[in-house]
Amino acid sequence: MLKLQVRHSNGFVRCWRNMWTNVNIENFSSSWNDGLAFCALIHHHLPDAFDYATLDPANKKENFDLAFITAEQRLGVTPLLATEDMLLTDKPDWKCVFTYVQSLYHKLIAIEPK
């Protein structure tokens, strides 16, 4: 299980840095701009949800759709972010990304065996 015992967003970033292929999490903005970080986080906890190895950073729309739909269907996480909005910029609003990642994280740790 990926445990995060941190007090602020920089701690989240340090815990996840360089954990996944094609994902380098340095912040809660540009590091999440191709959808792979969302997919990696979900795949870490739900490896049967999709084949992470087949994802391409260039396919941003597909990555965001996969992450957001999987999170909603498999975890019941409300889609606080929209694919269309994420595609508009290379630097999404870090507060929006952080809020969504927090929602994801709380659902993901709830499904882990204790």
PDB file of N, CA and C in Angstrom:
ATOM      1  N   MET A   1       0.837  -1.180   0.000  1.00  0.00           N
ATOM      2  CA  MET A   1       0.000   0.000   0.000  1.00  0.00           C
ATOM      3  C   MET A   1       0.882   1.245   0.000  1.00  0.00           C
ATOM      4  N   LEU A   2       0.447   2.232  -0.717  1.00  0.00           N
ATOM      5  CA  LEU A   2       1.137   3.519  -0.758  1.00  0.00           C
ATOM      6  C   LEU A   2       0.573   4.376   0.363  1.00  0.00           C
ATOM      7  N   LYS A   3       1.344   4.570   1.402  1.00  0.00           N
ATOM      8  CA  LYS A   3       0.879   5.371   2.529  1.00  0.00           C
ATOM      9  C   LYS A   3       1.475   6.761   2.446  1.00  0.00           C
ATOM     10  N   LEU A   4       0.653   7.736   2.697  1.00  0.00           N
ATOM     11  CA  LEU A   4       1.116   9.116   2.714  1.00  0.00           C
ATOM     12  C   LEU A   4       0.803   9.705   4.075  1.00  0.00           C
ATOM     13  N   GLN A   5       1.821  10.014   4.806  1.00  0.00           N
ATOM     14  CA  GLN A   5       1.634  10.655   6.093  1.00  0.00           C
ATOM     15  C   GLN A   5       2.363  11.983   6.023  1.00  0.00           C
ATOM     16  N   VAL A   6       1.688  12.941   5.437  1.00  0.00           N
ATOM     17  CA  VAL A   6       2.287  14.246   5.211  1.00  0.00           C
ATOM     18  C   VAL A   6       1.340  15.328   5.681  1.00  0.00           C
ATOM     19  N   ARG A   7       1.870  16.511   5.836  1.00  0.00           N
ATOM     20  CA  ARG A   7       1.063  17.618   6.342  1.00  0.00           C
ATOM     21  C   ARG A   7       0.702  18.649   5.275  1.00  0.00           C
ATOM     22  N   HIS A   8       1.351  18.620   4.135  1.00  0.00           N
ATOM     23  CA  HIS A   8       1.067  19.621   3.110  1.00  0.00           C
ATOM     24  C   HIS A   8       1.356  19.046   1.730  1.00  0.00           C
ATOM     25  N   SER A   9       0.992  19.792   0.709  1.00  0.00           N
ATOM     26  CA  SER A   9       1.087  19.289  -0.662  1.00  0.00           C
ATOM     27  C   SER A   9       2.506  18.943  -1.077  1.00  0.00           C
ATOM     28  N   ASN A  10       3.507  19.658  -0.608  1.00  0.00           N
ATOM     29  CA  ASN A  10       4.883  19.326  -0.976  1.00  0.00           C
ATOM     30  C   ASN A  10       5.266  17.943  -0.483  1.00  0.00           C
ATOM     31  N   GLY A  11       4.700  17.524   0.622  1.00  0.00           N
ATOM     32  CA  GLY A  11       4.948  16.179   1.129  1.00  0.00           C
ATOM     33  C   GLY A  11       4.376  15.126   0.207  1.00  0.00           C
ATOM     34  N   PHE A  12       3.181  15.366  -0.324  1.00  0.00           N
ATOM     35  CA  PHE A  12       2.599  14.461  -1.312  1.00  0.00           C
ATOM     36  C   PHE A  12       3.557  14.294  -2.483  1.00  0.00           C
ATOM     37  N   VAL A  13       4.033  15.411  -2.971  1.00  0.00           N
ATOM     38  CA  VAL A  13       4.920  15.393  -4.132  1.00  0.00           C
ATOM     39  C   VAL A  13       6.172  14.581  -3.833  1.00  0.00           C
ATOM     40  N   ARG A  14       6.781  14.798  -2.692  1.00  0.00           N
ATOM     41  CA  ARG A  14       7.994  14.045  -2.337  1.00  0.00           C
ATOM     42  C   ARG A  14       7.719  12.551  -2.245  1.00  0.00           C
ATOM     43  N   CYS A  15       6.567  12.162  -1.738  1.00  0.00           N
ATOM     44  CA  CYS A  15       6.243  10.739  -1.593  1.00  0.00           C
ATOM     45  C   CYS A  15       6.083  10.055  -2.947  1.00  0.00           C
ATOM     46  N   TRP A  16       5.607  10.762  -3.937  1.00  0.00           N
ATOM     47  CA  TRP A  16       5.300  10.143  -5.224  1.00  0.00           C
ATOM     48  C   TRP A  16       6.367  10.345  -6.280  1.00  0.00           C
ATOM     49  N   ARG A  17       7.348  11.153  -6.014  1.00  0.00           N
ATOM     50  CA  ARG A  17       8.342  11.497  -7.022  1.00  0.00           C
ATOM     51  C   ARG A  17       8.985  10.245  -7.612  1.00  0.00           C
ATOM     52  N   ASN A  18       8.977  10.162  -8.940  1.00  0.00           N
ATOM     53  CA  ASN A  18       9.652   9.085  -9.691  1.00  0.00           C
ATOM     54  C   ASN A  18       9.159   7.681  -9.355  1.00  0.00           C
ATOM     55  N   MET A  19       7.918   7.546  -8.930  1.00  0.00           N
ATOM     56  CA  MET A  19       7.395   6.238  -8.563  1.00  0.00           C
ATOM     57  C   MET A  19       6.916   5.422  -9.754  1.00  0.00           C
ATOM     58  N   TRP A  20       6.535   6.071 -10.848  1.00  0.00           N
ATOM     59  CA  TRP A  20       5.933   5.367 -11.961  1.00  0.00           C
ATOM     60  C   TRP A  20       6.635   5.679 -13.271  1.00  0.00           C
ATOM     61  N   THR A  21       6.517   4.755 -14.226  1.00  0.00           N
ATOM     62  CA  THR A  21       7.070   4.945 -15.558  1.00  0.00           C
ATOM     63  C   THR A  21       6.366   6.107 -16.250  1.00  0.00           C
ATOM     64  N   ASN A  22       7.129   6.957 -16.910  1.00  0.00           N
ATOM     65  CA  ASN A  22       6.619   8.114 -17.661  1.00  0.00           C
ATOM     66  C   ASN A  22       5.968   9.178 -16.787  1.00  0.00           C
ATOM     67  N   VAL A  23       6.139   9.092 -15.469  1.00  0.00           N
ATOM     68  CA  VAL A  23       5.539  10.080 -14.578  1.00  0.00           C
ATOM     69  C   VAL A  23       6.618  10.616 -13.647  1.00  0.00           C
ATOM     70  N   ASN A  24       6.762  11.924 -13.663  1.00  0.00           N
ATOM     71  CA  ASN A  24       7.690  12.577 -12.749  1.00  0.00           C
ATOM     72  C   ASN A  24       6.914  13.667 -12.029  1.00  0.00           C
ATOM     73  N   ILE A  25       6.479  13.384 -10.828  1.00  0.00           N
ATOM     74  CA  ILE A  25       5.648  14.322 -10.094  1.00  0.00           C
ATOM     75  C   ILE A  25       6.527  15.286  -9.314  1.00  0.00           C
ATOM     76  N   GLU A  26       6.497  16.530  -9.762  1.00  0.00           N
ATOM     77  CA  GLU A  26       7.255  17.601  -9.120  1.00  0.00           C
ATOM     78  C   GLU A  26       6.331  18.609  -8.441  1.00  0.00           C
ATOM     79  N   ASN A  27       5.067  18.628  -8.870  1.00  0.00           N
ATOM     80  CA  ASN A  27       4.132  19.628  -8.363  1.00  0.00           C
ATOM     81  C   ASN A  27       2.709  19.152  -8.618  1.00  0.00           C
ATOM     82  N   PHE A  28       1.738  19.954  -8.254  1.00  0.00           N
ATOM     83  CA  PHE A  28       0.334  19.610  -8.487  1.00  0.00           C
ATOM     84  C   PHE A  28      -0.246  20.388  -9.662  1.00  0.00           C
ATOM     85  N   SER A  29       0.601  20.787 -10.585  1.00  0.00           N
ATOM     86  CA  SER A  29       0.146  21.498 -11.772  1.00  0.00           C
ATOM     87  C   SER A  29       0.649  20.795 -13.023  1.00  0.00           C
ATOM     88  N   SER A  30       1.777  21.212 -13.537  1.00  0.00           N
ATOM     89  CA  SER A  30       2.278  20.673 -14.807  1.00  0.00           C
ATOM     90  C   SER A  30       2.593  19.179 -14.755  1.00  0.00           C
ATOM     91  N   SER A  31       2.892  18.644 -13.588  1.00  0.00           N
ATOM     92  CA  SER A  31       3.189  17.211 -13.479  1.00  0.00           C
ATOM     93  C   SER A  31       1.970  16.338 -13.773  1.00  0.00           C
ATOM     94  N   TRP A  32       0.800  16.928 -13.747  1.00  0.00           N
ATOM     95  CA  TRP A  32      -0.445  16.178 -13.948  1.00  0.00           C
ATOM     96  C   TRP A  32      -1.099  16.524 -15.287  1.00  0.00           C
ATOM     97  N   ASN A  33      -0.374  17.191 -16.187  1.00  0.00           N
ATOM     98  CA  ASN A  33      -0.987  17.756 -17.391  1.00  0.00           C
ATOM     99  C   ASN A  33      -1.190  16.797 -18.553  1.00  0.00           C
ATOM    100  N   ASP A  34      -0.756  15.537 -18.439  1.00  0.00           N
ATOM    101  CA  ASP A  34      -1.002  14.594 -19.537  1.00  0.00           C
ATOM    102  C   ASP A  34      -1.875  13.414 -19.117  1.00  0.00           C
ATOM    103  N   GLY A  35      -2.336  13.422 -17.884  1.00  0.00           N
ATOM    104  CA  GLY A  35      -3.230  12.374 -17.402  1.00  0.00           C
ATOM    105  C   GLY A  35      -2.532  11.147 -16.844  1.00  0.00           C
ATOM    106  N   LEU A  36      -1.245  10.977 -17.129  1.00  0.00           N
ATOM    107  CA  LEU A  36      -0.549   9.767 -16.683  1.00  0.00           C
ATOM    108  C   LEU A  36      -0.429   9.674 -15.167  1.00  0.00           C
ATOM    109  N   ALA A  37      -0.235  10.781 -14.492  1.00  0.00           N
ATOM    110  CA  ALA A  37      -0.110  10.729 -13.030  1.00  0.00           C
ATOM    111  C   ALA A  37      -1.412  10.245 -12.396  1.00  0.00           C
ATOM    112  N   PHE A  38      -2.544  10.709 -12.920  1.00  0.00           N
ATOM    113  CA  PHE A  38      -3.828  10.227 -12.414  1.00  0.00           C
ATOM    114  C   PHE A  38      -3.963   8.725 -12.666  1.00  0.00           C
ATOM    115  N   CYS A  39      -3.619   8.311 -13.879  1.00  0.00           N
ATOM    116  CA  CYS A  39      -3.697   6.887 -14.226  1.00  0.00           C
ATOM    117  C   CYS A  39      -2.767   6.056 -13.349  1.00  0.00           C
ATOM    118  N   ALA A  40      -1.564   6.553 -13.106  1.00  0.00           N
ATOM    119  CA  ALA A  40      -0.594   5.819 -12.292  1.00  0.00           C
ATOM    120  C   ALA A  40      -1.097   5.653 -10.863  1.00  0.00           C
ATOM    121  N   LEU A  41      -1.657   6.698 -10.314  1.00  0.00           N
ATOM    122  CA  LEU A  41      -2.178   6.632  -8.951  1.00  0.00           C
ATOM    123  C   LEU A  41      -3.298   5.599  -8.850  1.00  0.00           C
ATOM    124  N   ILE A  42      -4.212   5.627  -9.796  1.00  0.00           N
ATOM    125  CA  ILE A  42      -5.317   4.671  -9.798  1.00  0.00           C
ATOM    126  C   ILE A  42      -4.794   3.259 -10.029  1.00  0.00           C
ATOM    127  N   HIS A  43      -3.921   3.099 -11.006  1.00  0.00           N
ATOM    128  CA  HIS A  43      -3.392   1.774 -11.342  1.00  0.00           C
ATOM    129  C   HIS A  43      -2.612   1.160 -10.183  1.00  0.00           C
ATOM    130  N   HIS A  44      -1.926   1.977  -9.410  1.00  0.00           N
ATOM    131  CA  HIS A  44      -1.173   1.476  -8.256  1.00  0.00           C
ATOM    132  C   HIS A  44      -2.089   0.712  -7.303  1.00  0.00           C
ATOM    133  N   HIS A  45      -3.302   1.199  -7.124  1.00  0.00           N
ATOM    134  CA  HIS A  45      -4.256   0.593  -6.201  1.00  0.00           C
ATOM    135  C   HIS A  45      -5.223  -0.365  -6.884  1.00  0.00           C
ATOM    136  N   LEU A  46      -5.471  -0.157  -8.165  1.00  0.00           N
ATOM    137  CA  LEU A  46      -6.398  -1.004  -8.931  1.00  0.00           C
ATOM    138  C   LEU A  46      -5.695  -1.508 -10.191  1.00  0.00           C
ATOM    139  N   PRO A  47      -4.719  -2.390 -10.054  1.00  0.00           N
ATOM    140  CA  PRO A  47      -3.928  -2.813 -11.216  1.00  0.00           C
ATOM    141  C   PRO A  47      -4.729  -3.542 -12.290  1.00  0.00           C
ATOM    142  N   ASP A  48      -5.894  -4.058 -11.924  1.00  0.00           N
ATOM    143  CA  ASP A  48      -6.724  -4.750 -12.907  1.00  0.00           C
ATOM    144  C   ASP A  48      -7.638  -3.799 -13.687  1.00  0.00           C
ATOM    145  N   ALA A  49      -7.633  -2.530 -13.351  1.00  0.00           N
ATOM    146  CA  ALA A  49      -8.542  -1.571 -13.989  1.00  0.00           C
ATOM    147  C   ALA A  49      -8.184  -1.300 -15.448  1.00  0.00           C
ATOM    148  N   PHE A  50      -6.882  -1.281 -15.764  1.00  0.00           N
ATOM    149  CA  PHE A  50      -6.420  -1.049 -17.132  1.00  0.00           C
ATOM    150  C   PHE A  50      -4.944  -1.396 -17.201  1.00  0.00           C
ATOM    151  N   ASP A  51      -4.420  -1.450 -18.419  1.00  0.00           N
ATOM    152  CA  ASP A  51      -3.009  -1.782 -18.628  1.00  0.00           C
ATOM    153  C   ASP A  51      -2.210  -0.485 -18.713  1.00  0.00           C
ATOM    154  N   TYR A  52      -1.599  -0.102 -17.612  1.00  0.00           N
ATOM    155  CA  TYR A  52      -0.859   1.156 -17.545  1.00  0.00           C
ATOM    156  C   TYR A  52       0.285   1.198 -18.556  1.00  0.00           C
ATOM    157  N   ALA A  53       0.907   0.062 -18.804  1.00  0.00           N
ATOM    158  CA  ALA A  53       2.077   0.006 -19.699  1.00  0.00           C
ATOM    159  C   ALA A  53       1.745   0.430 -21.124  1.00  0.00           C
ATOM    160  N   THR A  54       0.488   0.388 -21.501  1.00  0.00           N
ATOM    161  CA  THR A  54       0.102   0.741 -22.871  1.00  0.00           C
ATOM    162  C   THR A  54      -0.221   2.226 -23.038  1.00  0.00           C
ATOM    163  N   LEU A  55      -0.241   2.973 -21.951  1.00  0.00           N
ATOM    164  CA  LEU A  55      -0.615   4.388 -22.031  1.00  0.00           C
ATOM    165  C   LEU A  55       0.517   5.219 -22.615  1.00  0.00           C
ATOM    166  N   ASP A  56       0.118   6.241 -23.366  1.00  0.00           N
ATOM    167  CA  ASP A  56       1.070   7.107 -24.057  1.00  0.00           C
ATOM    168  C   ASP A  56       0.882   8.545 -23.568  1.00  0.00           C
ATOM    169  N   PRO A  57       1.947   9.210 -23.127  1.00  0.00           N
ATOM    170  CA  PRO A  57       1.814  10.593 -22.658  1.00  0.00           C
ATOM    171  C   PRO A  57       1.268  11.542 -23.722  1.00  0.00           C
ATOM    172  N   ALA A  58       1.419  11.206 -24.980  1.00  0.00           N
ATOM    173  CA  ALA A  58       0.914  12.061 -26.059  1.00  0.00           C
ATOM    174  C   ALA A  58      -0.609  11.984 -26.190  1.00  0.00           C
ATOM    175  N   ASN A  59      -1.217  10.941 -25.657  1.00  0.00           N
ATOM    176  CA  ASN A  59      -2.670  10.756 -25.745  1.00  0.00           C
ATOM    177  C   ASN A  59      -3.355  11.324 -24.506  1.00  0.00           C
ATOM    178  N   LYS A  60      -3.225  12.616 -24.328  1.00  0.00           N
ATOM    179  CA  LYS A  60      -3.731  13.259 -23.119  1.00  0.00           C
ATOM    180  C   LYS A  60      -5.224  13.027 -22.907  1.00  0.00           C
ATOM    181  N   LYS A  61      -6.008  13.234 -23.940  1.00  0.00           N
ATOM    182  CA  LYS A  61      -7.460  13.090 -23.793  1.00  0.00           C
ATOM    183  C   LYS A  61      -7.820  11.695 -23.319  1.00  0.00           C
ATOM    184  N   GLU A  62      -7.249  10.687 -23.953  1.00  0.00           N
ATOM    185  CA  GLU A  62      -7.545   9.308 -23.577  1.00  0.00           C
ATOM    186  C   GLU A  62      -7.102   9.024 -22.139  1.00  0.00           C
ATOM    187  N   ASN A  63      -5.951   9.562 -21.751  1.00  0.00           N
ATOM    188  CA  ASN A  63      -5.451   9.343 -20.391  1.00  0.00           C
ATOM    189  C   ASN A  63      -6.369   9.976 -19.348  1.00  0.00           C
ATOM    190  N   PHE A  64      -6.762  11.228 -19.588  1.00  0.00           N
ATOM    191  CA  PHE A  64      -7.669  11.891 -18.651  1.00  0.00           C
ATOM    192  C   PHE A  64      -9.003  11.158 -18.592  1.00  0.00           C
ATOM    193  N   ASP A  65      -9.561  10.834 -19.757  1.00  0.00           N
ATOM    194  CA  ASP A  65     -10.841  10.121 -19.779  1.00  0.00           C
ATOM    195  C   ASP A  65     -10.746   8.810 -19.012  1.00  0.00           C
ATOM    196  N   LEU A  66      -9.692   8.052 -19.258  1.00  0.00           N
ATOM    197  CA  LEU A  66      -9.513   6.767 -18.582  1.00  0.00           C
ATOM    198  C   LEU A  66      -9.438   6.957 -17.067  1.00  0.00           C
ATOM    199  N   ALA A  67      -8.644   7.891 -16.631  1.00  0.00           N
ATOM    200  CA  ALA A  67      -8.489   8.122 -15.188  1.00  0.00           C
ATOM    201  C   ALA A  67      -9.790   8.595 -14.551  1.00  0.00           C
ATOM    202  N   PHE A  68     -10.417   9.593 -15.140  1.00  0.00           N
ATOM    203  CA  PHE A  68     -11.606  10.174 -14.525  1.00  0.00           C
ATOM    204  C   PHE A  68     -12.788   9.206 -14.553  1.00  0.00           C
ATOM    205  N   ILE A  69     -12.959   8.485 -15.647  1.00  0.00           N
ATOM    206  CA  ILE A  69     -14.058   7.518 -15.744  1.00  0.00           C
ATOM    207  C   ILE A  69     -13.819   6.339 -14.808  1.00  0.00           C
ATOM    208  N   THR A  70     -12.590   5.832 -14.771  1.00  0.00           N
ATOM    209  CA  THR A  70     -12.274   4.720 -13.873  1.00  0.00           C
ATOM    210  C   THR A  70     -12.489   5.125 -12.418  1.00  0.00           C
ATOM    211  N   ALA A  71     -12.037   6.315 -12.056  1.00  0.00           N
ATOM    212  CA  ALA A  71     -12.200   6.793 -10.679  1.00  0.00           C
ATOM    213  C   ALA A  71     -13.671   6.917 -10.309  1.00  0.00           C
ATOM    214  N   GLU A  72     -14.468   7.379 -11.242  1.00  0.00           N
ATOM    215  CA  GLU A  72     -15.897   7.529 -10.958  1.00  0.00           C
ATOM    216  C   GLU A  72     -16.589   6.170 -10.879  1.00  0.00           C
ATOM    217  N   GLN A  73     -16.333   5.303 -11.850  1.00  0.00           N
ATOM    218  CA  GLN A  73     -17.019   4.014 -11.903  1.00  0.00           C
ATOM    219  C   GLN A  73     -16.542   3.027 -10.840  1.00  0.00           C
ATOM    220  N   ARG A  74     -15.238   2.951 -10.630  1.00  0.00           N
ATOM    221  CA  ARG A  74     -14.692   1.942  -9.714  1.00  0.00           C
ATOM    222  C   ARG A  74     -14.588   2.421  -8.272  1.00  0.00           C
ATOM    223  N   LEU A  75     -14.473   3.732  -8.087  1.00  0.00           N
ATOM    224  CA  LEU A  75     -14.251   4.256  -6.738  1.00  0.00           C
ATOM    225  C   LEU A  75     -15.349   5.188  -6.251  1.00  0.00           C
ATOM    226  N   GLY A  76     -16.201   5.626  -7.161  1.00  0.00           N
ATOM    227  CA  GLY A  76     -17.244   6.563  -6.779  1.00  0.00           C
ATOM    228  C   GLY A  76     -16.734   7.971  -6.527  1.00  0.00           C
ATOM    229  N   VAL A  77     -15.587   8.306  -7.126  1.00  0.00           N
ATOM    230  CA  VAL A  77     -15.008   9.639  -6.952  1.00  0.00           C
ATOM    231  C   VAL A  77     -15.682  10.607  -7.920  1.00  0.00           C
ATOM    232  N   THR A  78     -16.267  11.632  -7.372  1.00  0.00           N
ATOM    233  CA  THR A  78     -16.917  12.650  -8.187  1.00  0.00           C
ATOM    234  C   THR A  78     -15.887  13.307  -9.103  1.00  0.00           C
ATOM    235  N   PRO A  79     -16.213  13.426 -10.392  1.00  0.00           N
ATOM    236  CA  PRO A  79     -15.262  14.040 -11.329  1.00  0.00           C
ATOM    237  C   PRO A  79     -15.173  15.554 -11.120  1.00  0.00           C
ATOM    238  N   LEU A  80     -14.267  15.964 -10.261  1.00  0.00           N
ATOM    239  CA  LEU A  80     -14.083  17.387  -9.968  1.00  0.00           C
ATOM    240  C   LEU A  80     -13.341  18.117 -11.077  1.00  0.00           C
ATOM    241  N   LEU A  81     -12.675  17.353 -11.930  1.00  0.00           N
ATOM    242  CA  LEU A  81     -11.946  17.908 -13.074  1.00  0.00           C
ATOM    243  C   LEU A  81     -12.597  17.391 -14.349  1.00  0.00           C
ATOM    244  N   ALA A  82     -12.522  18.169 -15.402  1.00  0.00           N
ATOM    245  CA  ALA A  82     -13.056  17.759 -16.700  1.00  0.00           C
ATOM    246  C   ALA A  82     -11.910  17.640 -17.692  1.00  0.00           C
ATOM    247  N   THR A  83     -11.972  16.608 -18.503  1.00  0.00           N
ATOM    248  CA  THR A  83     -10.939  16.399 -19.519  1.00  0.00           C
ATOM    249  C   THR A  83     -10.757  17.647 -20.369  1.00  0.00           C
ATOM    250  N   GLU A  84     -11.855  18.229 -20.809  1.00  0.00           N
ATOM    251  CA  GLU A  84     -11.788  19.395 -21.687  1.00  0.00           C
ATOM    252  C   GLU A  84     -11.032  20.546 -21.028  1.00  0.00           C
ATOM    253  N   ASP A  85     -11.258  20.755 -19.740  1.00  0.00           N
ATOM    254  CA  ASP A  85     -10.554  21.824 -19.020  1.00  0.00           C
ATOM    255  C   ASP A  85      -9.070  21.511 -18.878  1.00  0.00           C
ATOM    256  N   MET A  86      -8.746  20.258 -18.607  1.00  0.00           N
ATOM    257  CA  MET A  86      -7.346  19.870 -18.428  1.00  0.00           C
ATOM    258  C   MET A  86      -6.558  20.005 -19.731  1.00  0.00           C
ATOM    259  N   LEU A  87      -7.236  19.852 -20.858  1.00  0.00           N
ATOM    260  CA  LEU A  87      -6.566  19.949 -22.155  1.00  0.00           C
ATOM    261  C   LEU A  87      -6.270  21.389 -22.572  1.00  0.00           C
ATOM    262  N   LEU A  88      -6.867  22.352 -21.905  1.00  0.00           N
ATOM    263  CA  LEU A  88      -6.710  23.758 -22.282  1.00  0.00           C
ATOM    264  C   LEU A  88      -5.367  24.357 -21.890  1.00  0.00           C
ATOM    265  N   THR A  89      -4.660  23.718 -20.971  1.00  0.00           N
ATOM    266  CA  THR A  89      -3.426  24.316 -20.461  1.00  0.00           C
ATOM    267  C   THR A  89      -2.395  23.248 -20.103  1.00  0.00           C
ATOM    268  N   ASP A  90      -1.143  23.634 -20.150  1.00  0.00           N
ATOM    269  CA  ASP A  90      -0.078  22.739 -19.700  1.00  0.00           C
ATOM    270  C   ASP A  90       0.181  22.901 -18.206  1.00  0.00           C
ATOM    271  N   LYS A  91      -0.438  23.929 -17.610  1.00  0.00           N
ATOM    272  CA  LYS A  91      -0.270  24.168 -16.177  1.00  0.00           C
ATOM    273  C   LYS A  91      -1.639  24.308 -15.518  1.00  0.00           C
ATOM    274  N   PRO A  92      -2.298  23.179 -15.243  1.00  0.00           N
ATOM    275  CA  PRO A  92      -3.607  23.258 -14.596  1.00  0.00           C
ATOM    276  C   PRO A  92      -3.499  23.878 -13.201  1.00  0.00           C
ATOM    277  N   ASP A  93      -4.597  24.421 -12.741  1.00  0.00           N
ATOM    278  CA  ASP A  93      -4.646  25.041 -11.417  1.00  0.00           C
ATOM    279  C   ASP A  93      -4.300  23.995 -10.362  1.00  0.00           C
ATOM    280  N   TRP A  94      -3.221  24.225  -9.627  1.00  0.00           N
ATOM    281  CA  TRP A  94      -2.735  23.230  -8.669  1.00  0.00           C
ATOM    282  C   TRP A  94      -3.749  22.951  -7.576  1.00  0.00           C
ATOM    283  N   LYS A  95      -4.565  23.957  -7.205  1.00  0.00           N
ATOM    284  CA  LYS A  95      -5.553  23.746  -6.140  1.00  0.00           C
ATOM    285  C   LYS A  95      -6.647  22.785  -6.595  1.00  0.00           C
ATOM    286  N   CYS A  96      -7.037  22.879  -7.854  1.00  0.00           N
ATOM    287  CA  CYS A  96      -8.044  21.964  -8.393  1.00  0.00           C
ATOM    288  C   CYS A  96      -7.492  20.543  -8.470  1.00  0.00           C
ATOM    289  N   VAL A  97      -6.272  20.421  -8.973  1.00  0.00           N
ATOM    290  CA  VAL A  97      -5.641  19.103  -9.079  1.00  0.00           C
ATOM    291  C   VAL A  97      -5.459  18.508  -7.686  1.00  0.00           C
ATOM    292  N   PHE A  98      -4.953  19.288  -6.753  1.00  0.00           N
ATOM    293  CA  PHE A  98      -4.723  18.799  -5.395  1.00  0.00           C
ATOM    294  C   PHE A  98      -6.021  18.325  -4.754  1.00  0.00           C
ATOM    295  N   THR A  99      -7.095  19.083  -4.931  1.00  0.00           N
ATOM    296  CA  THR A  99      -8.391  18.708  -4.357  1.00  0.00           C
ATOM    297  C   THR A  99      -8.870  17.378  -4.927  1.00  0.00           C
ATOM    298  N   TYR A 100      -8.736  17.209  -6.240  1.00  0.00           N
ATOM    299  CA  TYR A 100      -9.154  15.954  -6.866  1.00  0.00           C
ATOM    300  C   TYR A 100      -8.272  14.795  -6.399  1.00  0.00           C
ATOM    301  N   VAL A 101      -6.975  15.009  -6.330  1.00  0.00           N
ATOM    302  CA  VAL A 101      -6.057  13.953  -5.887  1.00  0.00           C
ATOM    303  C   VAL A 101      -6.361  13.563  -4.446  1.00  0.00           C
ATOM    304  N   GLN A 102      -6.698  14.520  -3.615  1.00  0.00           N
ATOM    305  CA  GLN A 102      -7.097  14.201  -2.239  1.00  0.00           C
ATOM    306  C   GLN A 102      -8.326  13.309  -2.231  1.00  0.00           C
ATOM    307  N   SER A 103      -9.318  13.626  -3.056  1.00  0.00           N
ATOM    308  CA  SER A 103     -10.527  12.802  -3.149  1.00  0.00           C
ATOM    309  C   SER A 103     -10.179  11.384  -3.567  1.00  0.00           C
ATOM    310  N   LEU A 104      -9.341  11.287  -4.582  1.00  0.00           N
ATOM    311  CA  LEU A 104      -8.891   9.974  -5.050  1.00  0.00           C
ATOM    312  C   LEU A 104      -8.175   9.219  -3.949  1.00  0.00           C
ATOM    313  N   TYR A 105      -7.227   9.870  -3.324  1.00  0.00           N
ATOM    314  CA  TYR A 105      -6.410   9.226  -2.307  1.00  0.00           C
ATOM    315  C   TYR A 105      -7.267   8.674  -1.171  1.00  0.00           C
ATOM    316  N   HIS A 106      -8.229   9.455  -0.695  1.00  0.00           N
ATOM    317  CA  HIS A 106      -9.074   8.995   0.412  1.00  0.00           C
ATOM    318  C   HIS A 106      -9.902   7.774   0.022  1.00  0.00           C
ATOM    319  N   LYS A 107     -10.368   7.720  -1.203  1.00  0.00           N
ATOM    320  CA  LYS A 107     -11.099   6.527  -1.667  1.00  0.00           C
ATOM    321  C   LYS A 107     -10.156   5.344  -1.831  1.00  0.00           C
ATOM    322  N   LEU A 108      -8.968   5.597  -2.356  1.00  0.00           N
ATOM    323  CA  LEU A 108      -8.016   4.512  -2.599  1.00  0.00           C
ATOM    324  C   LEU A 108      -7.522   3.881  -1.303  1.00  0.00           C
ATOM    325  N   ILE A 109      -7.232   4.681  -0.302  1.00  0.00           N
ATOM    326  CA  ILE A 109      -6.761   4.077   0.948  1.00  0.00           C
ATOM    327  C   ILE A 109      -7.883   3.340   1.663  1.00  0.00           C
ATOM    328  N   ALA A 110      -9.130   3.724   1.388  1.00  0.00           N
ATOM    329  CA  ALA A 110     -10.262   3.042   2.012  1.00  0.00           C
ATOM    330  C   ALA A 110     -10.440   1.623   1.477  1.00  0.00           C
ATOM    331  N   ILE A 111      -9.965   1.358   0.255  1.00  0.00           N
ATOM    332  CA  ILE A 111     -10.128   0.017  -0.313  1.00  0.00           C
ATOM    333  C   ILE A 111      -8.957  -0.900   0.015  1.00  0.00           C
ATOM    334  N   GLU A 112      -7.892  -0.352   0.585  1.00  0.00           N
ATOM    335  CA  GLU A 112      -6.722  -1.162   0.938  1.00  0.00           C
ATOM    336  C   GLU A 112      -7.022  -1.998   2.173  1.00  0.00           C
ATOM    337  N   PRO A 113      -6.554  -3.247   2.186  1.00  0.00           N
ATOM    338  CA  PRO A 113      -6.730  -4.058   3.399  1.00  0.00           C
ATOM    339  C   PRO A 113      -5.933  -3.459   4.556  1.00  0.00           C
ATOM    340  N   LYS A 114      -6.493  -3.554   5.726  1.00  0.00           N
ATOM    341  CA  LYS A 114      -5.827  -2.953   6.896  1.00  0.00           C
ATOM    342  C   LYS A 114      -4.951  -3.946   7.593  1.00  0.00           C
TER     343      LYS A 114
END
